[in-house]
Amino acid sequence: MKNVSSIAAITLASSLALLATGCDRTPDEPTTAGEKMDNAVTDSRNAASDMGDTLERKADQAGQAIDDAAITTSVKGKYLVDDTLKGLEISVDTVQGVVKLTGSVQSDSAKELATQIAQTVDGVVSVDNQLTVQ
């Protein structure tokens, strides 16, 4: 699928480059067919490179979203097996490795425990504990 998208993008970029080479010429500057082809190839390479950079950024963003979801799932799982925290309604949200905890707990020690447990999960950069004590 990736190859088909790349080929389609290069074909589109090449076509646009060929069209553009004839449009940006002034009447006083004759351009040979060879120069037009060289320009089209250069434009296509640049377009393909730009597209490659965009696809790489999108892949990185998707990878980060998957990592964040895995962190959230792991933190919630650890809360479920902890006798102090299981059954409590602690909301866990992760963005770029930063875990945000919201909800309420019964004590300051439970609040601190929630932070400590979240910090043990691989990939956690920091914990923003906004839990309230009821």
N, C-alpha and C. Protein backbone atom coordinates (compact mmCIF):
# COMPACT_ATOMS: atom_id res chain seq x y z
N MET A 1 0.83 -1.20 0.00
CA MET A 1 0.00 0.00 0.00
C MET A 1 0.86 1.25 0.00
N LYS A 2 1.98 1.20 0.78
CA LYS A 2 2.87 2.34 0.87
C LYS A 2 3.53 2.62 -0.48
N ASN A 3 3.92 1.55 -1.20
CA ASN A 3 4.54 1.71 -2.51
C ASN A 3 3.58 2.32 -3.51
N VAL A 4 2.33 1.90 -3.47
CA VAL A 4 1.32 2.44 -4.39
C VAL A 4 1.14 3.94 -4.13
N SER A 5 1.08 4.33 -2.86
CA SER A 5 0.93 5.75 -2.52
C SER A 5 2.14 6.54 -2.98
N SER A 6 3.33 5.99 -2.79
CA SER A 6 4.55 6.68 -3.20
C SER A 6 4.60 6.84 -4.70
N ILE A 7 4.26 5.80 -5.43
CA ILE A 7 4.28 5.86 -6.89
C ILE A 7 3.26 6.88 -7.39
N ALA A 8 2.08 6.87 -6.78
CA ALA A 8 1.05 7.82 -7.18
C ALA A 8 1.51 9.25 -6.89
N ALA A 9 2.15 9.45 -5.77
CA ALA A 9 2.61 10.79 -5.40
C ALA A 9 3.71 11.26 -6.35
N ILE A 10 4.62 10.38 -6.70
CA ILE A 10 5.70 10.76 -7.60
C ILE A 10 5.14 11.05 -8.99
N THR A 11 4.19 10.24 -9.43
CA THR A 11 3.56 10.47 -10.73
C THR A 11 2.85 11.82 -10.75
N LEU A 12 2.10 12.11 -9.71
CA LEU A 12 1.40 13.39 -9.62
C LEU A 12 2.39 14.55 -9.60
N ALA A 13 3.43 14.41 -8.80
CA ALA A 13 4.42 15.48 -8.70
C ALA A 13 5.11 15.69 -10.04
N SER A 14 5.42 14.60 -10.73
CA SER A 14 6.07 14.71 -12.05
C SER A 14 5.17 15.43 -13.04
N SER A 15 3.90 15.05 -13.04
CA SER A 15 2.94 15.68 -13.96
C SER A 15 2.82 17.16 -13.69
N LEU A 16 2.71 17.51 -12.42
CA LEU A 16 2.60 18.92 -12.06
C LEU A 16 3.86 19.68 -12.42
N ALA A 17 5.01 19.04 -12.21
CA ALA A 17 6.27 19.70 -12.53
C ALA A 17 6.38 19.94 -14.04
N LEU A 18 5.96 18.96 -14.84
CA LEU A 18 6.00 19.13 -16.29
C LEU A 18 5.09 20.27 -16.73
N LEU A 19 3.92 20.36 -16.14
CA LEU A 19 3.01 21.45 -16.48
C LEU A 19 3.58 22.79 -16.05
N ALA A 20 4.18 22.82 -14.87
CA ALA A 20 4.69 24.08 -14.32
C ALA A 20 5.89 24.59 -15.09
N THR A 21 6.70 23.72 -15.65
CA THR A 21 7.89 24.18 -16.36
C THR A 21 7.54 25.01 -17.58
N GLY A 22 6.44 24.72 -18.20
CA GLY A 22 6.02 25.51 -19.35
C GLY A 22 5.37 26.81 -18.94
N CYS A 23 4.81 26.89 -17.77
CA CYS A 23 4.07 28.06 -17.33
C CYS A 23 4.95 29.16 -16.77
N ASP A 24 6.12 28.80 -16.20
CA ASP A 24 6.92 29.82 -15.54
C ASP A 24 7.97 30.44 -16.47
N ARG A 25 7.95 30.11 -17.72
CA ARG A 25 8.91 30.58 -18.70
C ARG A 25 8.47 31.92 -19.26
N THR A 26 9.44 32.80 -19.41
CA THR A 26 9.13 34.06 -20.08
C THR A 26 9.43 33.90 -21.57
N PRO A 27 8.80 34.69 -22.42
CA PRO A 27 8.99 34.53 -23.87
C PRO A 27 10.44 34.71 -24.31
N ASP A 28 11.22 35.46 -23.57
CA ASP A 28 12.60 35.73 -23.96
C ASP A 28 13.57 34.62 -23.54
N GLU A 29 13.10 33.65 -22.78
CA GLU A 29 13.97 32.59 -22.28
C GLU A 29 13.55 31.24 -22.84
N PRO A 30 14.07 30.85 -23.97
CA PRO A 30 13.71 29.53 -24.51
C PRO A 30 14.29 28.43 -23.63
N THR A 31 13.51 27.38 -23.41
CA THR A 31 13.94 26.26 -22.61
C THR A 31 13.93 25.02 -23.48
N THR A 32 15.03 24.26 -23.42
CA THR A 32 15.11 23.06 -24.23
C THR A 32 14.32 21.94 -23.57
N ALA A 33 14.04 20.91 -24.34
CA ALA A 33 13.32 19.76 -23.80
C ALA A 33 14.15 19.09 -22.70
N GLY A 34 15.45 19.06 -22.88
CA GLY A 34 16.33 18.47 -21.87
C GLY A 34 16.28 19.24 -20.55
N GLU A 35 16.28 20.57 -20.64
CA GLU A 35 16.19 21.40 -19.43
C GLU A 35 14.84 21.19 -18.75
N LYS A 36 13.79 21.08 -19.56
CA LYS A 36 12.47 20.84 -18.99
C LYS A 36 12.44 19.52 -18.23
N MET A 37 13.04 18.49 -18.82
CA MET A 37 13.08 17.18 -18.16
C MET A 37 13.91 17.25 -16.88
N ASP A 38 15.06 17.92 -16.94
CA ASP A 38 15.89 18.06 -15.74
C ASP A 38 15.12 18.78 -14.63
N ASN A 39 14.43 19.84 -15.01
CA ASN A 39 13.62 20.58 -14.03
C ASN A 39 12.51 19.71 -13.46
N ALA A 40 11.87 18.95 -14.33
CA ALA A 40 10.77 18.08 -13.88
C ALA A 40 11.28 17.01 -12.92
N VAL A 41 12.44 16.43 -13.23
CA VAL A 41 13.02 15.41 -12.35
C VAL A 41 13.37 16.02 -11.00
N THR A 42 13.99 17.19 -11.02
CA THR A 42 14.35 17.87 -9.77
C THR A 42 13.10 18.18 -8.94
N ASP A 43 12.08 18.73 -9.61
CA ASP A 43 10.83 19.05 -8.91
C ASP A 43 10.18 17.79 -8.33
N SER A 44 10.22 16.70 -9.08
CA SER A 44 9.64 15.44 -8.61
C SER A 44 10.39 14.92 -7.39
N ARG A 45 11.71 15.00 -7.46
CA ARG A 45 12.52 14.54 -6.31
C ARG A 45 12.20 15.37 -5.07
N ASN A 46 12.10 16.68 -5.25
CA ASN A 46 11.78 17.55 -4.12
C ASN A 46 10.39 17.24 -3.56
N ALA A 47 9.43 17.03 -4.45
CA ALA A 47 8.07 16.71 -4.00
C ALA A 47 8.05 15.37 -3.27
N ALA A 48 8.78 14.39 -3.81
CA ALA A 48 8.83 13.07 -3.16
C ALA A 48 9.50 13.16 -1.81
N SER A 49 10.55 13.96 -1.71
CA SER A 49 11.25 14.14 -0.43
C SER A 49 10.33 14.79 0.59
N ASP A 50 9.60 15.83 0.15
CA ASP A 50 8.65 16.50 1.06
C ASP A 50 7.58 15.54 1.53
N MET A 51 7.07 14.71 0.61
CA MET A 51 6.04 13.75 0.96
C MET A 51 6.60 12.71 1.94
N GLY A 52 7.84 12.28 1.70
CA GLY A 52 8.47 11.33 2.60
C GLY A 52 8.61 11.90 4.00
N ASP A 53 8.99 13.17 4.09
CA ASP A 53 9.11 13.82 5.40
C ASP A 53 7.75 13.88 6.10
N THR A 54 6.71 14.21 5.34
CA THR A 54 5.36 14.28 5.91
C THR A 54 4.90 12.91 6.41
N LEU A 55 5.14 11.87 5.60
CA LEU A 55 4.75 10.52 6.00
C LEU A 55 5.52 10.07 7.25
N GLU A 56 6.78 10.44 7.33
CA GLU A 56 7.59 10.08 8.50
C GLU A 56 7.04 10.76 9.75
N ARG A 57 6.67 12.04 9.64
CA ARG A 57 6.11 12.76 10.79
C ARG A 57 4.79 12.11 11.22
N LYS A 58 3.94 11.75 10.24
CA LYS A 58 2.66 11.11 10.57
C LYS A 58 2.89 9.76 11.24
N ALA A 59 3.87 9.01 10.77
CA ALA A 59 4.17 7.71 11.38
C ALA A 59 4.66 7.90 12.81
N ASP A 60 5.48 8.93 13.03
CA ASP A 60 5.95 9.20 14.39
C ASP A 60 4.79 9.57 15.31
N GLN A 61 3.85 10.36 14.79
CA GLN A 61 2.68 10.76 15.59
C GLN A 61 1.83 9.54 15.93
N ALA A 62 1.64 8.66 14.96
CA ALA A 62 0.85 7.45 15.20
C ALA A 62 1.55 6.56 16.21
N GLY A 63 2.86 6.44 16.08
CA GLY A 63 3.63 5.65 17.04
C GLY A 63 3.52 6.20 18.45
N GLN A 64 3.56 7.52 18.58
CA GLN A 64 3.44 8.15 19.89
C GLN A 64 2.06 7.89 20.48
N ALA A 65 1.02 7.97 19.66
CA ALA A 65 -0.34 7.71 20.14
C ALA A 65 -0.47 6.28 20.64
N ILE A 66 0.15 5.34 19.93
CA ILE A 66 0.11 3.94 20.36
C ILE A 66 0.87 3.78 21.68
N ASP A 67 2.04 4.42 21.79
CA ASP A 67 2.81 4.36 23.02
C ASP A 67 2.01 4.94 24.19
N ASP A 68 1.36 6.07 23.96
CA ASP A 68 0.57 6.71 25.02
C ASP A 68 -0.58 5.80 25.46
N ALA A 69 -1.23 5.16 24.51
CA ALA A 69 -2.33 4.26 24.85
C ALA A 69 -1.82 3.06 25.66
N ALA A 70 -0.65 2.56 25.31
CA ALA A 70 -0.06 1.44 26.05
C ALA A 70 0.29 1.86 27.47
N ILE A 71 0.80 3.06 27.63
CA ILE A 71 1.13 3.57 28.98
C ILE A 71 -0.14 3.69 29.80
N THR A 72 -1.18 4.29 29.23
CA THR A 72 -2.46 4.46 29.94
C THR A 72 -3.01 3.11 30.38
N THR A 73 -2.99 2.14 29.48
CA THR A 73 -3.51 0.81 29.78
C THR A 73 -2.70 0.15 30.90
N SER A 74 -1.39 0.30 30.84
CA SER A 74 -0.53 -0.31 31.85
C SER A 74 -0.77 0.31 33.23
N VAL A 75 -0.88 1.64 33.28
CA VAL A 75 -1.13 2.31 34.56
C VAL A 75 -2.47 1.86 35.14
N LYS A 76 -3.51 1.85 34.32
CA LYS A 76 -4.83 1.42 34.79
C LYS A 76 -4.79 -0.03 35.29
N GLY A 77 -4.07 -0.88 34.57
CA GLY A 77 -3.94 -2.29 34.99
C GLY A 77 -3.27 -2.42 36.34
N LYS A 78 -2.25 -1.62 36.57
CA LYS A 78 -1.56 -1.67 37.86
C LYS A 78 -2.47 -1.16 38.99
N TYR A 79 -3.30 -0.19 38.69
CA TYR A 79 -4.24 0.29 39.71
C TYR A 79 -5.27 -0.78 40.06
N LEU A 80 -5.69 -1.56 39.07
CA LEU A 80 -6.69 -2.60 39.30
C LEU A 80 -6.19 -3.71 40.23
N VAL A 81 -4.89 -3.99 40.20
CA VAL A 81 -4.36 -5.06 41.03
C VAL A 81 -3.86 -4.56 42.39
N ASP A 82 -3.84 -3.25 42.59
CA ASP A 82 -3.40 -2.70 43.87
C ASP A 82 -4.59 -2.63 44.82
N ASP A 83 -4.44 -3.20 46.02
CA ASP A 83 -5.55 -3.25 46.98
C ASP A 83 -6.04 -1.87 47.40
N THR A 84 -5.16 -0.89 47.46
CA THR A 84 -5.56 0.45 47.88
C THR A 84 -6.31 1.19 46.78
N LEU A 85 -5.89 1.01 45.53
CA LEU A 85 -6.43 1.81 44.44
C LEU A 85 -7.52 1.13 43.62
N LYS A 86 -7.61 -0.21 43.69
CA LYS A 86 -8.63 -0.86 42.87
C LYS A 86 -10.02 -0.42 43.32
N GLY A 87 -10.90 -0.28 42.39
CA GLY A 87 -12.26 0.15 42.69
C GLY A 87 -12.42 1.66 42.75
N LEU A 88 -11.32 2.39 42.76
CA LEU A 88 -11.42 3.86 42.76
C LEU A 88 -11.56 4.35 41.33
N GLU A 89 -12.24 5.45 41.19
CA GLU A 89 -12.42 6.01 39.86
C GLU A 89 -11.32 7.02 39.57
N ILE A 90 -10.20 6.49 39.11
CA ILE A 90 -9.07 7.32 38.74
C ILE A 90 -8.99 7.34 37.22
N SER A 91 -9.07 8.52 36.66
CA SER A 91 -8.97 8.68 35.22
C SER A 91 -7.50 8.88 34.86
N VAL A 92 -7.05 8.14 33.85
CA VAL A 92 -5.66 8.20 33.41
C VAL A 92 -5.64 8.63 31.95
N ASP A 93 -4.89 9.69 31.66
CA ASP A 93 -4.75 10.15 30.29
C ASP A 93 -3.27 10.41 30.04
N THR A 94 -2.75 9.94 28.92
CA THR A 94 -1.33 10.09 28.62
C THR A 94 -1.15 10.81 27.30
N VAL A 95 -0.29 11.83 27.31
CA VAL A 95 0.06 12.56 26.10
C VAL A 95 1.57 12.73 26.09
N GLN A 96 2.21 12.16 25.08
CA GLN A 96 3.66 12.22 24.90
C GLN A 96 4.39 11.77 26.17
N GLY A 97 3.88 10.72 26.79
CA GLY A 97 4.53 10.14 27.95
C GLY A 97 4.20 10.81 29.28
N VAL A 98 3.44 11.89 29.24
CA VAL A 98 3.05 12.58 30.48
C VAL A 98 1.69 12.03 30.90
N VAL A 99 1.65 11.42 32.07
CA VAL A 99 0.43 10.80 32.59
C VAL A 99 -0.29 11.82 33.46
N LYS A 100 -1.56 12.04 33.15
CA LYS A 100 -2.39 12.96 33.93
C LYS A 100 -3.43 12.12 34.68
N LEU A 101 -3.46 12.27 36.00
CA LEU A 101 -4.39 11.55 36.85
C LEU A 101 -5.45 12.51 37.36
N THR A 102 -6.73 12.13 37.19
CA THR A 102 -7.83 12.93 37.73
C THR A 102 -8.81 11.99 38.41
N GLY A 103 -9.61 12.55 39.28
CA GLY A 103 -10.58 11.77 40.03
C GLY A 103 -10.38 12.03 41.52
N SER A 104 -10.85 11.09 42.33
CA SER A 104 -10.70 11.29 43.77
C SER A 104 -10.25 10.00 44.45
N VAL A 105 -9.54 10.18 45.54
CA VAL A 105 -9.06 9.07 46.36
C VAL A 105 -9.42 9.38 47.81
N GLN A 106 -9.26 8.37 48.69
CA GLN A 106 -9.70 8.55 50.07
C GLN A 106 -8.64 9.16 50.99
N SER A 107 -7.36 9.23 50.54
CA SER A 107 -6.32 9.77 51.43
C SER A 107 -5.14 10.31 50.64
N ASP A 108 -4.31 11.10 51.35
CA ASP A 108 -3.09 11.61 50.74
C ASP A 108 -2.14 10.48 50.38
N SER A 109 -2.12 9.43 51.19
CA SER A 109 -1.22 8.31 50.90
C SER A 109 -1.68 7.58 49.62
N ALA A 110 -2.98 7.48 49.38
CA ALA A 110 -3.48 6.86 48.15
C ALA A 110 -3.12 7.72 46.95
N LYS A 111 -3.18 9.02 47.12
CA LYS A 111 -2.81 9.94 46.05
C LYS A 111 -1.34 9.76 45.69
N GLU A 112 -0.50 9.70 46.69
CA GLU A 112 0.94 9.52 46.47
C GLU A 112 1.23 8.15 45.85
N LEU A 113 0.52 7.12 46.31
CA LEU A 113 0.69 5.78 45.76
C LEU A 113 0.34 5.75 44.27
N ALA A 114 -0.70 6.47 43.88
CA ALA A 114 -1.10 6.53 42.47
C ALA A 114 0.03 7.11 41.62
N THR A 115 0.69 8.13 42.13
CA THR A 115 1.83 8.72 41.41
C THR A 115 2.98 7.74 41.33
N GLN A 116 3.30 7.10 42.45
CA GLN A 116 4.42 6.16 42.48
C GLN A 116 4.21 5.00 41.51
N ILE A 117 3.00 4.47 41.48
CA ILE A 117 2.71 3.35 40.57
C ILE A 117 2.84 3.80 39.12
N ALA A 118 2.29 4.96 38.79
CA ALA A 118 2.35 5.45 37.41
C ALA A 118 3.80 5.66 36.97
N GLN A 119 4.66 6.10 37.87
CA GLN A 119 6.05 6.35 37.53
C GLN A 119 6.83 5.07 37.23
N THR A 120 6.32 3.92 37.65
CA THR A 120 7.02 2.66 37.40
C THR A 120 6.78 2.11 36.00
N VAL A 121 5.84 2.68 35.27
CA VAL A 121 5.49 2.17 33.94
C VAL A 121 6.51 2.68 32.92
N ASP A 122 6.99 1.76 32.08
CA ASP A 122 7.94 2.12 31.02
C ASP A 122 7.34 3.16 30.10
N GLY A 123 8.13 4.17 29.76
CA GLY A 123 7.68 5.20 28.83
C GLY A 123 7.11 6.44 29.49
N VAL A 124 6.86 6.37 30.81
CA VAL A 124 6.31 7.53 31.52
C VAL A 124 7.41 8.57 31.69
N VAL A 125 7.14 9.77 31.19
CA VAL A 125 8.08 10.88 31.31
C VAL A 125 7.88 11.59 32.64
N SER A 126 6.62 11.85 32.97
CA SER A 126 6.27 12.49 34.24
C SER A 126 4.81 12.21 34.56
N VAL A 127 4.43 12.53 35.79
CA VAL A 127 3.05 12.30 36.24
C VAL A 127 2.49 13.63 36.74
N ASP A 128 1.35 14.00 36.20
CA ASP A 128 0.63 15.20 36.63
C ASP A 128 -0.56 14.71 37.47
N ASN A 129 -0.36 14.67 38.78
CA ASN A 129 -1.38 14.12 39.68
C ASN A 129 -2.33 15.22 40.12
N GLN A 130 -3.54 15.19 39.55
CA GLN A 130 -4.59 16.15 39.89
C GLN A 130 -5.70 15.50 40.70
N LEU A 131 -5.38 14.38 41.34
CA LEU A 131 -6.35 13.68 42.16
C LEU A 131 -6.72 14.54 43.36
N THR A 132 -7.98 14.46 43.78
CA THR A 132 -8.43 15.16 44.97
C THR A 132 -8.68 14.15 46.07
N VAL A 133 -8.47 14.57 47.30
CA VAL A 133 -8.71 13.71 48.46
C VAL A 133 -10.09 14.00 49.00
N GLN A 134 -10.93 12.96 49.12
CA GLN A 134 -12.31 13.10 49.60
C GLN A 134 -12.38 12.77 51.07
